[in-house]
Amino acid sequence: RSTAGMSEILNLSYGQYSNSTITHLYNFQESQIPYTKDTKLNHQLSTFLYKSKPYGSTTANYYPRALLFDLRNGLGALNKYEYAEEIPQLNIPILNQSQQQQLQTTQLQKHEYQKSLDQGKADASLLHTGNTKYWTDYNKLIYNPKSIITLPSYQHQYNLYGLNFNLPRQKFDLYSTGITEFKSIGTESVEDFRYWLEKCDFLQGLQLGTTIDDSWSGFTTAMIEVIQDEFFNNKENVWIYGQYNHHEHHHLEQHRQSILYQVSQIKSFIELYKSLSLFIPLLPNYNSSMLSLLDTSSIWHTSCIPALFINLIWGVNNQYVDQVSMFHMQENLLRGDEARKIVNEVKIVGEGDSGGSGGGTGVGTGVGGDLMDIDLTKVRDLTTLTQEARKPEISLGVSQSMENIRYINKNYIVRNKEDLNTNGNAMSIDDDDGIPTNVYTNPYMTQITNTDTFPNILQSKNDKFHIEFNVHNGIKDYLKPYKTTIERLKLNFNDLVEDKAELIEDISNIILSYSSGFESDDDDYYD
């Protein structure tokens, strides 16, 4: 089933973690661009890329359909107008001597990999964790200047919270700070969004990447509220991949684990949930036998793990054969219940070397057969199947597979529909327990690991894998401590929590939505 001609997807990305993730994604899109006439196209490039052909030119340029937000100096050595044909007159503020010295000491030289790209080469051997600190170091596509916006008030810090440019003790870590910062740059943000929106013939939806545990959550929420109200009347498909990334660094700033910071995270989670149509919070567990040589202090490394997952979604959204829109995928997930929009269990599941034909030498090789060798229409419980086969996996969701949980739906992306013994894509299976299961196909799901800028962090790039993204009532166990924290809150955080009772009610309503329908769980609402 081909659905060529499907509409565009705009991507909004906020902060160094999300921008690093989307760079991996767009580098894969770049690898699909036909640089020769006989190149076979497998993906509809216009979904994620805007094709511009200058008048009288025989060649075309491809730009990401995206807006990327970062802090001051977060672009590394890249100037947002570096590859622009026209550079606008900039009103450069007069700096005092100390600011001039600070800027001079922070000026960076262009990465050697970028210099090689400028010369028409791509030498990925120049990339390593010691010198690859910015997403611009390994980015392959040229961005339109209207795709890049930097916040003037906060200074970039690698792998840490940004610092206020004039008040260095003030960090870019709280939800309320992001709300304030959007007010200062909101007009430019919305106008640049309008620019990209007008370049879409039929917008399929928005996909956003942001962080939940810093101020980008507040900035993202504020912007989504404005563009939903101004452009879509709150009726557009908006997905958010929300990443937790500062949990590894709390030991550096113990005071940031204060009650204020906890409340900020809770507020971030709930407000992001309320502002969108699908919420996929990501908290990668790096302790997996599928991973090797992963440097958890390198954002270039860690960001490629959520990119592995998101790239499979993108592939389903824009591949020519068996393409499935955001709308239909969202419908399959929600099944009419818009409150159950948190995808809380996400995992990349290794399958080992298929067929024993050689090439796959990593963990998972030789595990009693591929999932693809089994008729999925006859499987009672796909999750049980995966567990029984003892497949290695990388967990990315905020919830794990646990005993005594109730699945609301299960979702798989696998390689080929021929392996499914079915003629349909996005096949919905209601098993004996009545759990709706959606299976999508993406034959190109492992190709991103062959992108030259993708770091060598997998045990074996030849091993096959599939992904699962599931919704189950275990999200209640994640949210109940949130509710307890706010109920016990004694301090007055008016700038963060204007109405304590309203926030408690919001959390309670989410918990209730994942309890209804399960009689034995109804009492959990009152816990």
Foldseek 3Di string as FASTA:
>chain_A
DFDPPDWAEAEEEEEQLRLLLVLLLVLVLVVQDDPDPPRDHFWDSRRFWDWADPPPDPDIAIAGNYAYEYAVCLLAQDDLCPPPPDDDDDDDDDDDPVVVVVVVVRHHDQQPQVVQVVVVHGDLVSDDLVPPQHSNNRRNGRHHSLRYYYQHQWADDGLDFTAGPVHRVDTQFFQLVLLVSCVVCVVSNVVSNVVSVVSIPDYLAYEYEEELGGNRLNVVLNNLVVCCVPPPVLPGAYEYAYEHRCPVPCVVPVCCPDLRSLLRSLLSVLSVLVRHQAYEYWYWDPPWQQWDPQDSSGSNRVSNVVSLVVSLVVLLCIGRPNRDTPVVVSCLACVPPSLQRYQAWKKKWWQAAAPPPDQGDGPNHPQPHGPLQDQPLPDQDVVVVSVVSVTIMIIIGNDYDDPPWFFQEKEKEEADVVSNVDPHAQDWHQHPVRHTYGYHHRNCSLVSCVSSSRDPTGRGSNIDIMMMGTGILCVLVVLPVVLVSLVPDDDDDCSRPVDSVVSSVSSLVSNCSRQPPPVVRNCVSVD
